[in-house]
Protein backbone atom coordinates (compact mmCIF):
# COMPACT_ATOMS: atom_id res chain seq x y z
CA UNK A 1 0.03 0.25 -0.29
CA UNK A 2 1.05 3.46 -0.72
CA UNK A 3 2.73 5.79 2.60
CA UNK A 4 0.28 8.13 1.05
CA UNK A 5 -3.45 8.63 0.89
CA UNK A 6 -5.04 10.11 -2.45
CA UNK A 7 -4.97 13.83 -0.38
CA UNK A 8 -1.37 13.41 0.56
CA UNK A 9 -0.06 12.95 -2.68
CA UNK A 10 -2.01 15.97 -4.03
CA UNK A 11 -1.05 17.95 -1.52
CA UNK A 12 2.45 17.01 -2.07
CA UNK A 13 1.73 17.79 -5.76
CA UNK A 14 0.70 21.38 -5.24
CA UNK A 15 3.52 22.16 -2.65
CA UNK A 16 6.13 21.65 -5.34
CA UNK A 17 3.64 23.62 -7.41
CA UNK A 18 2.13 21.24 -10.10
CA UNK A 19 -1.00 19.03 -10.80
CA UNK A 20 -0.60 15.68 -9.96
CA UNK A 21 -0.41 13.21 -12.35
CA UNK A 22 -3.68 9.83 -11.87
CA UNK A 23 -3.17 7.32 -13.98
CA UNK A 24 -5.65 4.68 -14.93
CA UNK A 25 -4.97 0.60 -15.89
CA UNK A 26 -7.51 -1.43 -16.82
CA UNK A 27 -6.95 -4.35 -14.08
CA UNK A 28 -5.69 -7.51 -15.53
CA UNK A 29 -5.21 -6.55 -19.37
CA UNK A 30 -4.42 -8.88 -20.62
CA UNK A 31 -3.35 -10.33 -17.62
CA UNK A 32 -2.63 -9.40 -13.83
CA UNK A 33 1.13 -10.06 -14.01
CA UNK A 34 1.30 -7.62 -16.90
CA UNK A 35 -0.98 -4.76 -14.69
CA UNK A 36 1.38 -5.31 -11.80
CA UNK A 37 4.28 -4.71 -14.53
CA UNK A 38 2.74 -1.37 -15.30
CA UNK A 39 1.96 0.23 -11.98
CA UNK A 40 4.93 -0.29 -10.87
CA UNK A 41 6.32 1.52 -14.42
CA UNK A 42 3.56 4.17 -13.87
CA UNK A 43 5.09 4.63 -9.98
CA UNK A 44 8.85 4.66 -11.15
CA UNK A 45 8.04 7.24 -14.68
CA UNK A 46 6.41 9.85 -11.65
CA UNK A 47 2.50 9.30 -11.44
CA UNK A 48 0.84 10.12 -8.07
CA UNK A 49 -2.45 8.14 -8.19
CA UNK A 50 -3.34 4.83 -10.28
CA UNK A 51 -6.61 4.94 -11.54
CA UNK A 52 -7.77 1.04 -11.55
CA UNK A 53 -10.35 -0.22 -13.71
CA UNK A 54 -12.25 -3.48 -12.92
CA UNK A 55 -13.03 -4.88 -16.39
CA UNK A 56 -16.73 -5.07 -16.81
CA UNK A 57 -18.83 -6.52 -19.55
CA UNK A 58 -20.95 -2.94 -19.89
CA UNK A 59 -18.60 0.10 -19.72
CA UNK A 60 -20.78 3.31 -19.03
CA UNK A 61 -18.43 6.00 -20.42
CA UNK A 62 -15.97 4.10 -21.56
CA UNK A 63 -14.32 4.16 -25.23
CA UNK A 64 -13.38 1.48 -27.38
CA UNK A 65 -10.22 1.14 -26.79
CA UNK A 66 -10.94 1.01 -22.42
CA UNK A 67 -13.87 -1.44 -23.70
CA UNK A 68 -11.04 -3.79 -25.79
CA UNK A 69 -9.26 -3.88 -22.88
CA UNK A 70 -12.19 -4.69 -20.06
CA UNK A 71 -12.69 -7.64 -23.13
CA UNK A 72 -9.85 -8.82 -22.97
CA UNK A 73 -9.25 -9.09 -19.34
CA UNK A 74 -12.67 -11.23 -19.14
CA UNK A 75 -11.37 -13.37 -21.38
CA UNK A 76 -8.62 -14.02 -18.87
CA UNK A 77 -10.65 -14.92 -16.80
CA UNK A 78 -10.43 -11.67 -14.30
CA UNK A 79 -13.07 -11.54 -11.61
CA UNK A 80 -13.75 -8.86 -8.19
CA UNK A 81 -11.96 -11.22 -6.05
CA UNK A 82 -9.62 -11.88 -9.02
CA UNK A 83 -8.44 -7.63 -8.66
CA UNK A 84 -8.54 -7.51 -5.30
CA UNK A 85 -6.06 -10.76 -5.02
CA UNK A 86 -4.04 -9.06 -6.65
CA UNK A 87 -4.69 -5.32 -5.51
CA UNK A 88 -1.67 -6.09 -2.41
CA UNK A 89 0.78 -6.53 -5.04
CA UNK A 90 -0.53 -3.32 -7.25
CA UNK A 91 -0.32 -0.71 -4.75
CA UNK A 92 2.72 -2.18 -3.24
CA UNK A 93 4.83 -2.50 -6.54
CA UNK A 94 3.74 0.99 -7.98
CA UNK A 95 3.76 3.10 -4.67
CA UNK A 96 0.99 4.92 -5.34
CA UNK A 97 -2.68 5.53 -3.76
CA UNK A 98 -5.45 3.78 -5.68
CA UNK A 99 -8.89 4.72 -6.89
CA UNK A 100 -10.91 1.86 -7.24
CA UNK A 101 -13.21 2.36 -10.29
CA UNK A 102 -16.51 -0.11 -10.95
CA UNK A 103 -19.38 -0.33 -12.29
CA UNK A 104 -22.16 -0.78 -9.49
CA UNK A 105 -23.46 -3.90 -10.91
CA UNK A 106 -19.99 -5.65 -9.59
CA UNK A 107 -19.77 -4.39 -6.58
CA UNK A 108 -24.11 -5.37 -5.46
CA UNK A 109 -22.97 -8.77 -6.71
CA UNK A 110 -19.70 -8.52 -4.92
CA UNK A 111 -21.43 -7.28 -1.97
CA UNK A 112 -21.27 -3.48 -1.43
CA UNK A 113 -19.81 -3.97 1.95
CA UNK A 114 -17.18 -6.41 1.21
CA UNK A 115 -16.15 -4.49 -0.79
CA UNK A 116 -15.61 -1.44 0.30
CA UNK A 117 -13.59 -3.93 3.15
CA UNK A 118 -11.81 -6.19 1.05
CA UNK A 119 -10.67 -3.70 -1.10
CA UNK A 120 -9.55 -1.38 2.33
CA UNK A 121 -7.67 -4.00 3.49
CA UNK A 122 -6.29 -5.17 -0.15
CA UNK A 123 -4.72 -1.75 0.10
CA UNK A 124 -6.95 1.02 -2.21
CA UNK A 125 -7.16 4.11 -0.63
CA UNK A 126 -10.84 5.46 -2.55
CA UNK A 127 -13.38 4.45 -5.44
CA UNK A 128 -14.87 5.79 -7.87
CA UNK A 129 -18.39 4.60 -9.01
CA UNK A 130 -19.10 6.01 -12.38
CA UNK A 131 -22.77 5.18 -12.65
CA UNK A 132 -23.48 5.73 -9.31
CA UNK A 133 -25.05 9.25 -8.51
CA UNK A 134 -24.40 10.82 -5.57
CA UNK A 135 -27.66 11.24 -4.42
CA UNK A 136 -28.51 7.88 -4.69
CA UNK A 137 -25.26 6.38 -3.00
CA UNK A 138 -25.63 6.38 0.20
CA UNK A 139 -25.28 3.04 1.73
CA UNK A 140 -22.52 2.63 -0.43
CA UNK A 141 -20.66 5.91 0.47
CA UNK A 142 -21.26 5.12 4.46
CA UNK A 143 -19.44 1.88 3.20
CA UNK A 144 -16.43 3.60 1.79
CA UNK A 145 -16.03 5.89 4.38
CA UNK A 146 -16.73 3.75 7.69
CA UNK A 147 -13.98 1.36 5.50
CA UNK A 148 -12.18 4.71 5.52
CA UNK A 149 -11.51 4.69 1.80
CA UNK A 150 -12.38 8.01 -0.29
CA UNK A 151 -15.23 8.68 -2.22
CA UNK A 152 -14.50 10.13 -5.94
CA UNK A 153 -17.79 11.37 -7.94
CA UNK A 154 -17.94 12.84 -11.76
CA UNK A 155 -18.72 16.09 -12.79
CA UNK A 156 -19.69 16.77 -16.72
CA UNK A 157 -19.53 20.13 -18.66
CA UNK A 158 -23.64 20.07 -18.73
CA UNK A 159 -24.45 19.13 -15.37
CA UNK A 160 -26.05 22.06 -13.21
CA UNK A 161 -24.30 23.79 -10.91
CA UNK A 162 -26.76 21.99 -8.26
CA UNK A 163 -26.04 18.66 -8.85
CA UNK A 164 -22.87 19.95 -9.71
CA UNK A 165 -22.45 20.93 -5.62
CA UNK A 166 -23.12 17.74 -4.70
CA UNK A 167 -20.60 15.52 -6.81
CA UNK A 168 -18.53 17.93 -6.26
CA UNK A 169 -19.40 18.37 -2.06
CA UNK A 170 -19.80 14.71 -1.57
CA UNK A 171 -15.93 14.07 -3.12
CA UNK A 172 -13.05 13.10 -0.64
CA UNK A 173 -9.44 12.75 -2.26
CA UNK A 174 -10.41 14.49 -5.44
CA UNK A 175 -13.54 15.10 -8.04
CA UNK A 176 -13.20 13.69 -11.97
CA UNK A 177 -14.63 16.66 -13.87
CA UNK A 178 -14.98 15.49 -17.47
CA UNK A 179 -13.70 18.02 -19.77
CA UNK A 180 -16.10 17.38 -22.97
CA UNK A 181 -19.20 14.75 -23.38
CA UNK A 182 -18.81 11.59 -25.00
CA UNK A 183 -16.42 8.80 -23.55
CA UNK A 184 -13.46 8.06 -22.46
CA UNK A 185 -9.90 8.09 -25.47
CA UNK A 186 -8.16 10.06 -27.39
CA UNK A 187 -11.17 11.22 -30.41
CA UNK A 188 -12.84 14.52 -29.44
CA UNK A 189 -9.58 15.56 -27.94
CA UNK A 190 -9.91 18.05 -25.09
CA UNK A 191 -13.81 19.89 -24.11
CA UNK A 192 -13.17 23.77 -25.04
CA UNK A 193 -13.91 26.59 -22.39
CA UNK A 194 -11.62 24.25 -19.80
CA UNK A 195 -10.93 26.91 -17.79
CA UNK A 196 -14.34 28.06 -17.22
CA UNK A 197 -15.49 24.11 -16.22
CA UNK A 198 -12.68 24.41 -13.46
CA UNK A 199 -13.11 27.23 -12.75
CA UNK A 200 -16.82 26.22 -11.97
CA UNK A 201 -15.98 23.34 -10.37
CA UNK A 202 -13.32 24.38 -7.48
CA UNK A 203 -16.57 27.33 -6.77
CA UNK A 204 -17.93 24.45 -4.94
CA UNK A 205 -15.21 21.38 -4.61
CA UNK A 206 -13.45 21.41 -0.24
CA UNK A 207 -11.38 18.73 -2.85
CA UNK A 208 -8.44 19.26 -5.97
CA UNK A 209 -10.27 18.80 -9.26
CA UNK A 210 -8.85 16.40 -11.80
CA UNK A 211 -9.54 16.25 -15.33
CA UNK A 212 -9.93 13.51 -17.77
CA UNK A 213 -11.22 12.22 -21.23
CA UNK A 214 -8.73 13.58 -23.69
CA UNK A 215 -5.85 13.82 -22.31
CA UNK A 216 -3.51 11.77 -25.26
CA UNK A 217 0.30 14.16 -25.15
CA UNK A 218 2.35 16.22 -23.21
CA UNK A 219 0.72 19.12 -24.76
CA UNK A 220 -3.01 17.78 -23.95
CA UNK A 221 -1.24 17.94 -20.28
CA UNK A 222 0.41 20.65 -19.86
CA UNK A 223 -3.14 22.77 -21.16
CA UNK A 224 -4.62 20.48 -17.99
CA UNK A 225 -2.24 20.69 -15.78
CA UNK A 226 -2.51 24.88 -15.82
CA UNK A 227 -5.80 25.10 -14.71
CA UNK A 228 -6.60 21.60 -13.17
CA UNK A 229 -5.22 20.86 -10.00
CA UNK A 230 -5.07 17.14 -11.32
CA UNK A 231 -4.44 15.26 -14.92
CA UNK A 232 -6.00 12.48 -14.93
CA UNK A 233 -4.97 9.99 -18.09
CA UNK A 234 -6.35 6.64 -18.36
CA UNK A 235 -6.77 5.67 -23.07
CA UNK A 236 -2.92 6.56 -24.11
CA UNK A 237 -1.45 4.59 -21.20
CA UNK A 238 -4.04 1.20 -22.11
CA UNK A 239 -3.25 1.30 -26.02
CA UNK A 240 -0.06 2.08 -25.29
CA UNK A 241 0.24 -1.18 -23.55
CA UNK A 242 -2.15 -2.90 -25.51
CA UNK A 243 -0.05 -1.93 -28.93
CA UNK A 244 3.07 -3.76 -27.32
CA UNK A 245 4.19 -6.85 -27.71
CA UNK A 246 5.44 -8.20 -24.96
CA UNK A 247 5.35 -7.19 -21.40
CA UNK A 248 8.53 -5.32 -21.61
CA UNK A 249 7.61 -3.87 -24.43
CA UNK A 250 4.74 -2.62 -22.83
CA UNK A 251 6.07 -1.89 -19.76
CA UNK A 252 8.36 0.28 -21.83
CA UNK A 253 6.16 1.93 -24.16
CA UNK A 254 3.76 2.68 -20.47
CA UNK A 255 7.25 4.65 -19.36
CA UNK A 256 7.92 6.47 -21.64
CA UNK A 257 4.35 7.83 -22.12
CA UNK A 258 4.22 8.58 -18.45
CA UNK A 259 7.11 10.58 -18.73
CA UNK A 260 5.69 12.50 -21.45
CA UNK A 261 2.99 13.43 -19.29
CA UNK A 262 5.10 14.68 -16.57
CA UNK A 263 6.97 16.65 -18.99
CA UNK A 264 3.41 18.61 -20.41
CA UNK A 265 2.72 18.91 -16.48
CA UNK A 266 5.96 19.84 -15.80
CA UNK A 267 6.42 23.15 -18.32
CA UNK A 268 2.64 24.29 -16.99
CA UNK A 269 4.53 24.46 -13.46
CA UNK A 270 6.71 26.40 -14.72
CA UNK A 271 5.20 28.67 -16.53
CA UNK A 272 3.04 29.63 -12.95
CA UNK A 273 6.31 30.09 -11.59
CA UNK A 274 7.81 32.12 -13.91
CA UNK A 275 4.27 33.96 -14.15
CA UNK A 276 5.57 35.08 -10.66
CA UNK A 277 7.83 36.60 -10.48
């Protein structure tokens, strides 16, 4: 398990004058051993938080890259139980706080109390359930909090202020702001009006605001890091790993992509410091 909580990771980045890199992996794609190796590579490359997706046959907001990853993982026999069994190695190997991202159905099938308890015991730091609205999450949220897990909720460009406030204020660790409509992946890039979206979210949020969807390159990361507290990247890492010819090649490709994204984040931090002088 990481020595840092999610909040501590964001606070460290804030004290260093930079945005946090939140890196996503699909658990068990195509097997658990590769996920363990990729998580370790992300930690070595300077990621700050790991978002670990539990494969599900009908993901809500995931684009074709992550959908294909889930299909491969499920074909290989990955289940919630197997993901949780592998979580100690993933958390310890990466050295990062881990947010479990999962659809609601797998949690209910496993048992929500048992899931939160077992996830926390295995080294998870937080939980994100994209298809569960915060106003409907009473019992699961209480169970997660009792287990010591942060709860992360989503906001979108067209979320009304009232609902955005509810989601932001129910979030602990960080608040996940979607940059644009649609599903995850590089298609469509980052949505327009990003600075205004982040400013609006920060009006309601008591925790850091991290932005995802469409972040692929160092330039994308720089653009997000200029205004947000965190940069969330998923499909870019999943695609790098999927296109590699071997586990070793996948590790190298994911590590290089993380280092590239960190360069964009550092550029934004440098520009911010120079603007203050």
